[in-house]
Amino acid sequence: MEKRSSKLKGMILAILGGVFWGASGVVAEYLMTTKHVSASWLVAVKMIVAGFLILMYQMGKGNKDSLSPLKNKTELIQLIIFSVLGVLGLQYSFFKAIQVSNAATATILQYLSPILLVVYFIIEKKELPNKSSVVSIVLSLLGTFLLVTKGNLNELAMSPNGLFWGLLSAFLGAFYIIQPRKLMAKYGTTLIIGWGMLIGGVSFQVYQPIWQDVPTFTPGVSLGILVIVIIGTVFSYICLLKSTEYIPPQFSSLLTSFEPLSSALFSVLFLGLVLKPIEIVSMLLIIFAVFLLSRCDIS
C-alpha cells in the first residue's frame, strides 16, 4: 500500500510539473500578444528571479557547498557555457517561438528534444538504434511535418521564423540535458540549474537590462509574471525533481507529455486557439513518439 501511495505521489508531481510548464507558456503568450510585454524582458526577469529563488531553496535545505561550482576554473567555464547556451538559449528561443507563433506550437516543437537526445546517444555510443527508437524518430518527423505544413506540400502553414525558433528550442533543450551531465552528477541538479538560471539571466543584461522595456504593471500583468516565474519555473522544476524520488526518471519524463497537452488545452480555453484536426493529429504523433521513446534506454 505504501509503495502504491509513493508511486501515485510521484505521478501527481510529474504531471503537475508538466502542466505548470505548459500553462506558463500560455500565460507568456497572453502577456506578449495582449499586454505587449517584451519576450526578452520576460526571459531576463524570469531567469534572474527564478535562479535566485532556486538557489535560496537549495541553501535553505542546508547545502553548504553552494559556491563550489564557481571555485574550479574548468567547471566554472562549463557552467557559464551551460548558463548561456543551455539555459538562456533554451528560454529565449522558446519564448521567441511563442511570440512569433503560439504557445501550443512552440511547446510541441520544443518537445522534440527527447528525439534529438536519442539521435545524439546513438551517435555517441556508435550503436544501431532499436526498433522503438526508429519508430519514435519517424513518428516525430511525420508529426513535425504535418504541424508545419498542415498536409500542404507546397507551402509552410507556419512562419519560417516560428519554425526556426521552435526547432532551435528543441536543439537547445537537448543541449541543456547533455552538456551539464558531469556538473550535475557532482553537485546535484538543483544547484546547477539555479546557478545556470542566475548566471544566464545576469549575462542577458548585456542585451536586455531589466530596467528597460518595463511593462505597465497592471494586476493582470503582475499576476502573469508571478505565474511564469513561480509556478511555471520554480514549482514546475521542483515538482519534476521531487517526482524522481518516488518514480524512475524515465517514467517521470513520460508523464511530462502533459506539458504540450496542457498548453494546447489552455490555449483553446483561454486564448481562443482553434486547432484543426490535422494539427491535433500532428501533436498526438509527436507525443506518442516520446511516449514510445520513454521505454527505450537512451542514457
C-alpha atoms as a PDB file:
ATOM      1  CA  MET A   1       0.000   0.000   0.000  1.00  0.00           C
ATOM      2  CA  GLU A   2       2.834   2.412   0.904  1.00  0.00           C
ATOM      3  CA  LYS A   3       4.653   1.625  -2.356  1.00  0.00           C
ATOM      4  CA  ARG A   4       1.487   2.323  -4.347  1.00  0.00           C
ATOM      5  CA  SER A   5       0.969   5.589  -2.462  1.00  0.00           C
ATOM      6  CA  SER A   6       4.539   6.725  -3.218  1.00  0.00           C
ATOM      7  CA  LYS A   7       4.127   5.887  -6.897  1.00  0.00           C
ATOM      8  CA  LEU A   8       0.880   7.857  -7.033  1.00  0.00           C
ATOM      9  CA  LYS A   9       2.569  10.822  -5.344  1.00  0.00           C
ATOM     10  CA  GLY A  10       5.406  10.703  -7.878  1.00  0.00           C
ATOM     11  CA  MET A  11       2.973  10.536 -10.795  1.00  0.00           C
ATOM     12  CA  ILE A  12       0.979  13.509  -9.498  1.00  0.00           C
ATOM     13  CA  LEU A  13       4.143  15.568  -9.015  1.00  0.00           C
ATOM     14  CA  ALA A  14       5.414  14.766 -12.542  1.00  0.00           C
ATOM     15  CA  ILE A  15       2.039  15.618 -14.110  1.00  0.00           C
ATOM     16  CA  LEU A  16       1.842  18.873 -12.145  1.00  0.00           C
ATOM     17  CA  GLY A  17       5.347  19.805 -13.291  1.00  0.00           C
ATOM     18  CA  GLY A  18       4.357  19.344 -16.939  1.00  0.00           C
ATOM     19  CA  VAL A  19       1.032  21.161 -16.525  1.00  0.00           C
ATOM     20  CA  PHE A  20       2.692  24.104 -14.748  1.00  0.00           C
ATOM     21  CA  TRP A  21       5.253  24.491 -17.554  1.00  0.00           C
ATOM     22  CA  GLY A  22       2.584  24.201 -20.254  1.00  0.00           C
ATOM     23  CA  ALA A  23       0.406  26.775 -18.502  1.00  0.00           C
ATOM     24  CA  SER A  24       3.308  29.225 -18.186  1.00  0.00           C
ATOM     25  CA  GLY A  25       3.776  29.194 -21.958  1.00  0.00           C
ATOM     26  CA  VAL A  26       0.138  30.138 -22.456  1.00  0.00           C
ATOM     27  CA  VAL A  27       0.430  32.946 -19.898  1.00  0.00           C
ATOM     28  CA  ALA A  28       3.572  34.167 -21.681  1.00  0.00           C
ATOM     29  CA  GLU A  29       1.694  34.233 -24.989  1.00  0.00           C
ATOM     30  CA  TYR A  30      -1.084  36.253 -23.351  1.00  0.00           C
ATOM     31  CA  LEU A  31       1.385  38.794 -21.911  1.00  0.00           C
ATOM     32  CA  MET A  32       3.315  39.161 -25.176  1.00  0.00           C
ATOM     33  CA  THR A  33       0.364  39.387 -27.569  1.00  0.00           C
ATOM     34  CA  THR A  34      -2.231  41.152 -25.413  1.00  0.00           C
ATOM     35  CA  LYS A  35      -0.184  43.217 -22.948  1.00  0.00           C
ATOM     36  CA  HIS A  36       2.778  43.759 -25.300  1.00  0.00           C
ATOM     37  CA  VAL A  37       5.347  42.539 -22.790  1.00  0.00           C
ATOM     38  CA  SER A  38       8.742  42.050 -24.453  1.00  0.00           C
ATOM     39  CA  ALA A  39       9.861  38.430 -24.748  1.00  0.00           C
ATOM     40  CA  SER A  40      13.434  39.490 -23.935  1.00  0.00           C
ATOM     41  CA  TRP A  41      12.387  41.364 -20.792  1.00  0.00           C
ATOM     42  CA  LEU A  42      10.225  38.453 -19.663  1.00  0.00           C
ATOM     43  CA  VAL A  43      13.102  35.992 -20.094  1.00  0.00           C
ATOM     44  CA  ALA A  44      15.544  38.267 -18.250  1.00  0.00           C
ATOM     45  CA  VAL A  45      13.269  38.726 -15.231  1.00  0.00           C
ATOM     46  CA  LYS A  46      12.182  35.110 -15.177  1.00  0.00           C
ATOM     47  CA  MET A  47      15.736  33.753 -15.146  1.00  0.00           C
ATOM     48  CA  ILE A  48      17.156  36.118 -12.523  1.00  0.00           C
ATOM     49  CA  VAL A  49      14.247  35.759 -10.093  1.00  0.00           C
ATOM     50  CA  ALA A  50      13.770  32.001 -10.618  1.00  0.00           C
ATOM     51  CA  GLY A  51      17.530  31.366 -10.364  1.00  0.00           C
ATOM     52  CA  PHE A  52      17.702  33.326  -7.120  1.00  0.00           C
ATOM     53  CA  LEU A  53      14.696  31.510  -5.641  1.00  0.00           C
ATOM     54  CA  ILE A  54      16.002  28.062  -6.633  1.00  0.00           C
ATOM     55  CA  LEU A  55      19.388  28.809  -5.050  1.00  0.00           C
ATOM     56  CA  MET A  56      17.656  30.054  -1.895  1.00  0.00           C
ATOM     57  CA  TYR A  57      15.630  26.827  -1.857  1.00  0.00           C
ATOM     58  CA  GLN A  58      18.844  24.834  -2.194  1.00  0.00           C
ATOM     59  CA  MET A  59      20.627  26.764   0.556  1.00  0.00           C
ATOM     60  CA  GLY A  60      17.555  26.506   2.759  1.00  0.00           C
ATOM     61  CA  LYS A  61      17.933  22.721   2.605  1.00  0.00           C
ATOM     62  CA  GLY A  62      21.327  23.107   4.266  1.00  0.00           C
ATOM     63  CA  ASN A  63      23.642  22.798   1.250  1.00  0.00           C
ATOM     64  CA  LYS A  64      26.902  24.363   2.457  1.00  0.00           C
ATOM     65  CA  ASP A  65      28.692  23.836  -0.865  1.00  0.00           C
ATOM     66  CA  SER A  66      26.512  26.153  -2.931  1.00  0.00           C
ATOM     67  CA  LEU A  67      29.520  28.173  -4.153  1.00  0.00           C
ATOM     68  CA  SER A  68      31.630  25.120  -5.038  1.00  0.00           C
ATOM     69  CA  PRO A  69      30.837  25.090  -8.803  1.00  0.00           C
ATOM     70  CA  LEU A  70      32.265  28.631  -9.023  1.00  0.00           C
ATOM     71  CA  LYS A  71      35.645  27.809  -7.463  1.00  0.00           C
ATOM     72  CA  ASN A  72      37.088  25.481 -10.113  1.00  0.00           C
ATOM     73  CA  LYS A  73      38.100  27.330 -13.310  1.00  0.00           C
ATOM     74  CA  THR A  74      37.309  24.443 -15.686  1.00  0.00           C
ATOM     75  CA  GLU A  75      33.964  23.743 -14.045  1.00  0.00           C
ATOM     76  CA  LEU A  76      33.118  27.461 -14.000  1.00  0.00           C
ATOM     77  CA  ILE A  77      33.700  27.671 -17.762  1.00  0.00           C
ATOM     78  CA  GLN A  78      31.441  24.649 -18.271  1.00  0.00           C
ATOM     79  CA  LEU A  79      28.815  26.242 -16.019  1.00  0.00           C
ATOM     80  CA  ILE A  80      28.937  29.504 -17.985  1.00  0.00           C
ATOM     81  CA  ILE A  81      28.541  27.622 -21.288  1.00  0.00           C
ATOM     82  CA  PHE A  82      25.551  25.775 -19.828  1.00  0.00           C
ATOM     83  CA  SER A  83      24.079  29.004 -18.444  1.00  0.00           C
ATOM     84  CA  VAL A  84      24.347  30.975 -21.685  1.00  0.00           C
ATOM     85  CA  LEU A  85      23.696  28.329 -24.362  1.00  0.00           C
ATOM     86  CA  GLY A  86      21.691  25.776 -22.397  1.00  0.00           C
ATOM     87  CA  VAL A  87      19.524  27.771 -20.013  1.00  0.00           C
ATOM     88  CA  LEU A  88      19.378  31.238 -21.569  1.00  0.00           C
ATOM     89  CA  GLY A  89      19.369  29.893 -25.130  1.00  0.00           C
ATOM     90  CA  LEU A  90      16.531  27.489 -24.382  1.00  0.00           C
ATOM     91  CA  GLN A  91      14.409  30.028 -22.503  1.00  0.00           C
ATOM     92  CA  TYR A  92      14.864  32.781 -25.080  1.00  0.00           C
ATOM     93  CA  SER A  93      14.260  30.594 -28.141  1.00  0.00           C
ATOM     94  CA  PHE A  94      11.160  29.061 -26.515  1.00  0.00           C
ATOM     95  CA  PHE A  95       9.654  32.458 -25.676  1.00  0.00           C
ATOM     96  CA  LYS A  96      10.503  33.814 -29.139  1.00  0.00           C
ATOM     97  CA  ALA A  97       8.773  30.774 -30.659  1.00  0.00           C
ATOM     98  CA  ILE A  98       5.685  31.598 -28.601  1.00  0.00           C
ATOM     99  CA  GLN A  99       5.859  35.240 -29.663  1.00  0.00           C
ATOM    100  CA  VAL A 100       6.023  34.529 -33.407  1.00  0.00           C
ATOM    101  CA  SER A 101       3.656  31.521 -33.416  1.00  0.00           C
ATOM    102  CA  ASN A 102       1.682  30.410 -30.352  1.00  0.00           C
ATOM    103  CA  ALA A 103       2.234  28.582 -27.085  1.00  0.00           C
ATOM    104  CA  ALA A 104       0.837  25.244 -28.259  1.00  0.00           C
ATOM    105  CA  THR A 105       3.001  25.101 -31.400  1.00  0.00           C
ATOM    106  CA  ALA A 106       6.132  26.308 -29.590  1.00  0.00           C
ATOM    107  CA  THR A 107       5.659  23.729 -26.848  1.00  0.00           C
ATOM    108  CA  ILE A 108       5.155  20.810 -29.216  1.00  0.00           C
ATOM    109  CA  LEU A 109       8.234  21.764 -31.272  1.00  0.00           C
ATOM    110  CA  GLN A 110      10.319  22.101 -28.114  1.00  0.00           C
ATOM    111  CA  TYR A 111       9.001  18.665 -27.116  1.00  0.00           C
ATOM    112  CA  LEU A 112      11.114  17.188 -29.935  1.00  0.00           C
ATOM    113  CA  SER A 113      14.165  17.414 -27.634  1.00  0.00           C
ATOM    114  CA  PRO A 114      13.938  13.771 -26.443  1.00  0.00           C
ATOM    115  CA  ILE A 115      14.043  12.597 -30.066  1.00  0.00           C
ATOM    116  CA  LEU A 116      17.212  14.625 -30.637  1.00  0.00           C
ATOM    117  CA  LEU A 117      18.658  13.063 -27.491  1.00  0.00           C
ATOM    118  CA  VAL A 118      18.077   9.609 -28.951  1.00  0.00           C
ATOM    119  CA  VAL A 119      19.943  10.571 -32.122  1.00  0.00           C
ATOM    120  CA  TYR A 120      22.809  12.008 -30.070  1.00  0.00           C
ATOM    121  CA  PHE A 121      23.190   8.934 -27.882  1.00  0.00           C
ATOM    122  CA  ILE A 122      23.012   6.644 -30.915  1.00  0.00           C
ATOM    123  CA  ILE A 123      25.917   8.585 -32.450  1.00  0.00           C
ATOM    124  CA  GLU A 124      27.823   8.743 -29.149  1.00  0.00           C
ATOM    125  CA  LYS A 125      27.525   5.010 -28.496  1.00  0.00           C
ATOM    126  CA  LYS A 126      28.066   4.155 -32.177  1.00  0.00           C
ATOM    127  CA  GLU A 127      25.293   1.608 -31.949  1.00  0.00           C
ATOM    128  CA  LEU A 128      22.405   0.909 -34.270  1.00  0.00           C
ATOM    129  CA  PRO A 129      19.096   2.148 -32.852  1.00  0.00           C
ATOM    130  CA  ASN A 130      16.478  -0.347 -31.714  1.00  0.00           C
ATOM    131  CA  LYS A 131      13.079  -0.579 -33.370  1.00  0.00           C
ATOM    132  CA  SER A 132      11.327   1.637 -30.814  1.00  0.00           C
ATOM    133  CA  SER A 133      13.873   4.412 -31.343  1.00  0.00           C
ATOM    134  CA  VAL A 134      13.497   4.241 -35.119  1.00  0.00           C
ATOM    135  CA  VAL A 135       9.703   4.329 -34.918  1.00  0.00           C
ATOM    136  CA  SER A 136       9.873   7.240 -32.450  1.00  0.00           C
ATOM    137  CA  ILE A 137      12.114   9.250 -34.771  1.00  0.00           C
ATOM    138  CA  VAL A 138       9.930   8.552 -37.809  1.00  0.00           C
ATOM    139  CA  LEU A 139       6.721   9.441 -35.950  1.00  0.00           C
ATOM    140  CA  SER A 140       8.222  12.655 -34.589  1.00  0.00           C
ATOM    141  CA  LEU A 141       9.411  13.717 -38.043  1.00  0.00           C
ATOM    142  CA  LEU A 142       5.999  12.935 -39.509  1.00  0.00           C
ATOM    143  CA  GLY A 143       4.254  14.843 -36.731  1.00  0.00           C
ATOM    144  CA  THR A 144       6.539  17.859 -37.211  1.00  0.00           C
ATOM    145  CA  PHE A 145       5.989  17.760 -40.972  1.00  0.00           C
ATOM    146  CA  LEU A 146       2.202  17.775 -40.535  1.00  0.00           C
ATOM    147  CA  LEU A 147       2.420  20.520 -37.916  1.00  0.00           C
ATOM    148  CA  VAL A 148       4.368  22.924 -40.125  1.00  0.00           C
ATOM    149  CA  THR A 149       2.649  22.124 -43.441  1.00  0.00           C
ATOM    150  CA  LYS A 150      -0.881  21.153 -42.349  1.00  0.00           C
ATOM    151  CA  GLY A 151      -0.594  18.500 -45.053  1.00  0.00           C
ATOM    152  CA  ASN A 152       0.018  21.032 -47.826  1.00  0.00           C
ATOM    153  CA  LEU A 153       3.297  20.127 -49.545  1.00  0.00           C
ATOM    154  CA  ASN A 154       3.507  23.412 -51.419  1.00  0.00           C
ATOM    155  CA  GLU A 155       3.951  25.800 -48.509  1.00  0.00           C
ATOM    156  CA  LEU A 156       4.603  26.125 -44.794  1.00  0.00           C
ATOM    157  CA  ALA A 157       1.489  26.550 -42.671  1.00  0.00           C
ATOM    158  CA  MET A 158       3.523  28.426 -40.058  1.00  0.00           C
ATOM    159  CA  SER A 159       6.055  31.204 -40.475  1.00  0.00           C
ATOM    160  CA  PRO A 160       9.686  30.218 -41.135  1.00  0.00           C
ATOM    161  CA  ASN A 161      10.514  32.422 -38.135  1.00  0.00           C
ATOM    162  CA  GLY A 162       8.260  30.375 -35.865  1.00  0.00           C
ATOM    163  CA  LEU A 163       9.665  27.122 -37.193  1.00  0.00           C
ATOM    164  CA  PHE A 164      13.245  28.369 -36.710  1.00  0.00           C
ATOM    165  CA  TRP A 165      12.777  29.403 -33.073  1.00  0.00           C
ATOM    166  CA  GLY A 166      10.728  26.302 -32.244  1.00  0.00           C
ATOM    167  CA  LEU A 167      13.310  23.889 -33.670  1.00  0.00           C
ATOM    168  CA  LEU A 168      16.146  25.887 -32.097  1.00  0.00           C
ATOM    169  CA  SER A 169      14.472  25.497 -28.700  1.00  0.00           C
ATOM    170  CA  ALA A 170      14.333  21.728 -29.307  1.00  0.00           C
ATOM    171  CA  PHE A 171      18.056  21.564 -30.156  1.00  0.00           C
ATOM    172  CA  LEU A 172      18.996  23.732 -27.176  1.00  0.00           C
ATOM    173  CA  GLY A 173      16.688  21.637 -24.990  1.00  0.00           C
ATOM    174  CA  ALA A 174      18.746  18.586 -25.930  1.00  0.00           C
ATOM    175  CA  PHE A 175      21.977  20.530 -25.280  1.00  0.00           C
ATOM    176  CA  TYR A 176      20.515  21.562 -21.903  1.00  0.00           C
ATOM    177  CA  ILE A 177      20.345  17.873 -20.939  1.00  0.00           C
ATOM    178  CA  ILE A 178      23.615  16.667 -22.465  1.00  0.00           C
ATOM    179  CA  GLN A 179      26.182  19.364 -21.688  1.00  0.00           C
ATOM    180  CA  PRO A 180      25.968  19.646 -17.856  1.00  0.00           C
ATOM    181  CA  ARG A 181      25.830  15.906 -17.065  1.00  0.00           C
ATOM    182  CA  LYS A 182      29.181  15.856 -15.241  1.00  0.00           C
ATOM    183  CA  LEU A 183      28.442  19.019 -13.286  1.00  0.00           C
ATOM    184  CA  MET A 184      25.022  17.737 -12.212  1.00  0.00           C
ATOM    185  CA  ALA A 185      26.459  14.355 -11.240  1.00  0.00           C
ATOM    186  CA  LYS A 186      28.987  16.080  -8.980  1.00  0.00           C
ATOM    187  CA  TYR A 187      26.960  18.943  -7.493  1.00  0.00           C
ATOM    188  CA  GLY A 188      23.335  17.930  -7.983  1.00  0.00           C
ATOM    189  CA  THR A 189      20.727  19.060 -10.458  1.00  0.00           C
ATOM    190  CA  THR A 190      19.132  21.774  -8.318  1.00  0.00           C
ATOM    191  CA  LEU A 191      22.328  23.687  -7.658  1.00  0.00           C
ATOM    192  CA  ILE A 192      23.469  23.668 -11.294  1.00  0.00           C
ATOM    193  CA  ILE A 193      20.034  24.701 -12.598  1.00  0.00           C
ATOM    194  CA  GLY A 194      19.873  27.513 -10.029  1.00  0.00           C
ATOM    195  CA  TRP A 195      23.283  28.867 -10.982  1.00  0.00           C
ATOM    196  CA  GLY A 196      22.518  28.330 -14.668  1.00  0.00           C
ATOM    197  CA  MET A 197      19.414  30.481 -14.476  1.00  0.00           C
ATOM    198  CA  LEU A 198      21.032  33.204 -12.377  1.00  0.00           C
ATOM    199  CA  ILE A 199      24.232  33.416 -14.458  1.00  0.00           C
ATOM    200  CA  GLY A 200      22.279  33.233 -17.708  1.00  0.00           C
ATOM    201  CA  GLY A 201      19.878  35.937 -16.536  1.00  0.00           C
ATOM    202  CA  VAL A 202      22.676  38.230 -15.392  1.00  0.00           C
ATOM    203  CA  SER A 203      24.641  37.744 -18.636  1.00  0.00           C
ATOM    204  CA  PHE A 204      21.481  38.551 -20.615  1.00  0.00           C
ATOM    205  CA  GLN A 205      21.552  42.038 -19.052  1.00  0.00           C
ATOM    206  CA  VAL A 206      24.109  43.000 -21.701  1.00  0.00           C
ATOM    207  CA  TYR A 207      21.352  42.590 -24.291  1.00  0.00           C
ATOM    208  CA  GLN A 208      18.206  43.186 -22.233  1.00  0.00           C
ATOM    209  CA  PRO A 209      18.580  45.148 -18.965  1.00  0.00           C
ATOM    210  CA  ILE A 210      15.576  44.533 -16.739  1.00  0.00           C
ATOM    211  CA  TRP A 211      15.129  48.291 -16.271  1.00  0.00           C
ATOM    212  CA  GLN A 212      14.443  48.770 -19.982  1.00  0.00           C
ATOM    213  CA  ASP A 213      11.183  47.896 -21.787  1.00  0.00           C
ATOM    214  CA  VAL A 214       9.484  47.564 -18.405  1.00  0.00           C
ATOM    215  CA  PRO A 215       5.773  46.836 -18.939  1.00  0.00           C
ATOM    216  CA  THR A 216       2.931  48.631 -17.230  1.00  0.00           C
ATOM    217  CA  PHE A 217       2.289  46.639 -14.078  1.00  0.00           C
ATOM    218  CA  THR A 218      -1.457  46.170 -14.113  1.00  0.00           C
ATOM    219  CA  PRO A 219      -2.845  43.451 -11.798  1.00  0.00           C
ATOM    220  CA  GLY A 220      -3.117  41.086 -14.795  1.00  0.00           C
ATOM    221  CA  VAL A 221       0.472  41.649 -15.915  1.00  0.00           C
ATOM    222  CA  SER A 222       1.837  41.291 -12.382  1.00  0.00           C
ATOM    223  CA  LEU A 223      -0.115  38.084 -11.823  1.00  0.00           C
ATOM    224  CA  GLY A 224       1.020  36.699 -15.178  1.00  0.00           C
ATOM    225  CA  ILE A 225       4.690  37.347 -14.394  1.00  0.00           C
ATOM    226  CA  LEU A 226       4.320  35.694 -10.991  1.00  0.00           C
ATOM    227  CA  VAL A 227       2.690  32.648 -12.611  1.00  0.00           C
ATOM    228  CA  ILE A 228       5.547  32.318 -15.133  1.00  0.00           C
ATOM    229  CA  VAL A 229       8.325  32.741 -12.573  1.00  0.00           C
ATOM    230  CA  ILE A 230       6.907  30.961  -9.531  1.00  0.00           C
ATOM    231  CA  ILE A 231       4.531  28.335 -10.903  1.00  0.00           C
ATOM    232  CA  GLY A 232       5.875  27.814 -14.413  1.00  0.00           C
ATOM    233  CA  THR A 233       9.543  27.754 -13.440  1.00  0.00           C
ATOM    234  CA  VAL A 234      10.255  27.214  -9.727  1.00  0.00           C
ATOM    235  CA  PHE A 235       7.270  24.996  -8.862  1.00  0.00           C
ATOM    236  CA  SER A 236       7.432  23.149 -12.185  1.00  0.00           C
ATOM    237  CA  TYR A 237      11.091  22.331 -11.713  1.00  0.00           C
ATOM    238  CA  ILE A 238      10.742  21.328  -8.040  1.00  0.00           C
ATOM    239  CA  CYS A 239       7.730  19.098  -8.819  1.00  0.00           C
ATOM    240  CA  LEU A 240       9.608  17.270 -11.582  1.00  0.00           C
ATOM    241  CA  LEU A 241      12.689  16.936  -9.392  1.00  0.00           C
ATOM    242  CA  LYS A 242      10.722  15.638  -6.403  1.00  0.00           C
ATOM    243  CA  SER A 243       8.818  13.162  -8.592  1.00  0.00           C
ATOM    244  CA  THR A 244      12.055  11.255  -9.284  1.00  0.00           C
ATOM    245  CA  GLU A 245      12.243  10.440  -5.565  1.00  0.00           C
ATOM    246  CA  TYR A 246       9.119   8.303  -5.937  1.00  0.00           C
ATOM    247  CA  ILE A 247       9.188   7.063  -9.539  1.00  0.00           C
ATOM    248  CA  PRO A 248      12.010   6.360 -12.053  1.00  0.00           C
ATOM    249  CA  PRO A 249      13.190   9.432 -14.016  1.00  0.00           C
ATOM    250  CA  GLN A 250      12.206   7.679 -17.251  1.00  0.00           C
ATOM    251  CA  PHE A 251       8.603   7.320 -16.045  1.00  0.00           C
ATOM    252  CA  SER A 252       8.667  10.911 -14.820  1.00  0.00           C
ATOM    253  CA  SER A 253       9.752  12.175 -18.240  1.00  0.00           C
ATOM    254  CA  LEU A 254       6.942  10.165 -19.848  1.00  0.00           C
ATOM    255  CA  LEU A 255       4.372  11.997 -17.737  1.00  0.00           C
ATOM    256  CA  THR A 256       5.690  15.377 -18.881  1.00  0.00           C
ATOM    257  CA  SER A 257       3.705  14.722 -22.047  1.00  0.00           C
ATOM    258  CA  PHE A 258       1.012  16.606 -20.127  1.00  0.00           C
ATOM    259  CA  GLU A 259       3.092  19.717 -20.951  1.00  0.00           C
ATOM    260  CA  PRO A 260       2.102  20.062 -24.631  1.00  0.00           C
ATOM    261  CA  LEU A 261      -1.375  18.714 -23.913  1.00  0.00           C
ATOM    262  CA  SER A 262      -1.986  21.295 -21.201  1.00  0.00           C
ATOM    263  CA  SER A 263      -0.531  24.057 -23.365  1.00  0.00           C
ATOM    264  CA  ALA A 264      -2.894  23.186 -26.224  1.00  0.00           C
ATOM    265  CA  LEU A 265      -5.884  22.854 -23.870  1.00  0.00           C
ATOM    266  CA  PHE A 266      -5.226  26.169 -22.077  1.00  0.00           C
ATOM    267  CA  SER A 267      -4.678  27.900 -25.440  1.00  0.00           C
ATOM    268  CA  VAL A 268      -8.057  26.658 -26.660  1.00  0.00           C
ATOM    269  CA  LEU A 269      -9.847  27.553 -23.408  1.00  0.00           C
ATOM    270  CA  PHE A 270      -8.310  30.949 -22.639  1.00  0.00           C
ATOM    271  CA  LEU A 271      -6.754  32.304 -25.852  1.00  0.00           C
ATOM    272  CA  GLY A 272      -9.371  31.181 -28.340  1.00  0.00           C
ATOM    273  CA  LEU A 273      -6.990  28.971 -30.306  1.00  0.00           C
ATOM    274  CA  VAL A 274      -8.809  26.783 -32.825  1.00  0.00           C
ATOM    275  CA  LEU A 275      -6.993  23.537 -33.573  1.00  0.00           C
ATOM    276  CA  LYS A 276      -7.605  21.879 -36.916  1.00  0.00           C
ATOM    277  CA  PRO A 277      -7.894  18.071 -36.998  1.00  0.00           C
ATOM    278  CA  ILE A 278      -4.526  17.719 -38.743  1.00  0.00           C
ATOM    279  CA  GLU A 279      -2.870  19.844 -36.016  1.00  0.00           C
ATOM    280  CA  ILE A 280      -4.332  17.574 -33.345  1.00  0.00           C
ATOM    281  CA  VAL A 281      -3.071  14.512 -35.232  1.00  0.00           C
ATOM    282  CA  SER A 282       0.417  16.010 -35.590  1.00  0.00           C
ATOM    283  CA  MET A 283       0.617  16.822 -31.873  1.00  0.00           C
ATOM    284  CA  LEU A 284      -0.580  13.355 -30.894  1.00  0.00           C
ATOM    285  CA  LEU A 285       2.020  11.779 -33.199  1.00  0.00           C
ATOM    286  CA  ILE A 286       4.860  13.676 -31.511  1.00  0.00           C
ATOM    287  CA  ILE A 287       3.528  12.961 -28.023  1.00  0.00           C
ATOM    288  CA  PHE A 288       3.137   9.258 -28.837  1.00  0.00           C
ATOM    289  CA  ALA A 289       6.682   9.235 -30.245  1.00  0.00           C
ATOM    290  CA  VAL A 290       8.031  10.498 -26.925  1.00  0.00           C
ATOM    291  CA  PHE A 291       5.824   8.022 -25.027  1.00  0.00           C
ATOM    292  CA  LEU A 292       7.338   5.237 -27.093  1.00  0.00           C
ATOM    293  CA  LEU A 293      10.785   6.709 -26.591  1.00  0.00           C
ATOM    294  CA  SER A 294      10.382   6.613 -22.819  1.00  0.00           C
ATOM    295  CA  ARG A 295      10.511   2.824 -22.984  1.00  0.00           C
ATOM    296  CA  CYS A 296      13.965   2.909 -24.578  1.00  0.00           C
ATOM    297  CA  ASP A 297      17.268   3.073 -22.726  1.00  0.00           C
ATOM    298  CA  ILE A 298      18.996   6.176 -24.079  1.00  0.00           C
ATOM    299  CA  SER A 299      21.241   7.090 -21.194  1.00  0.00           C
END
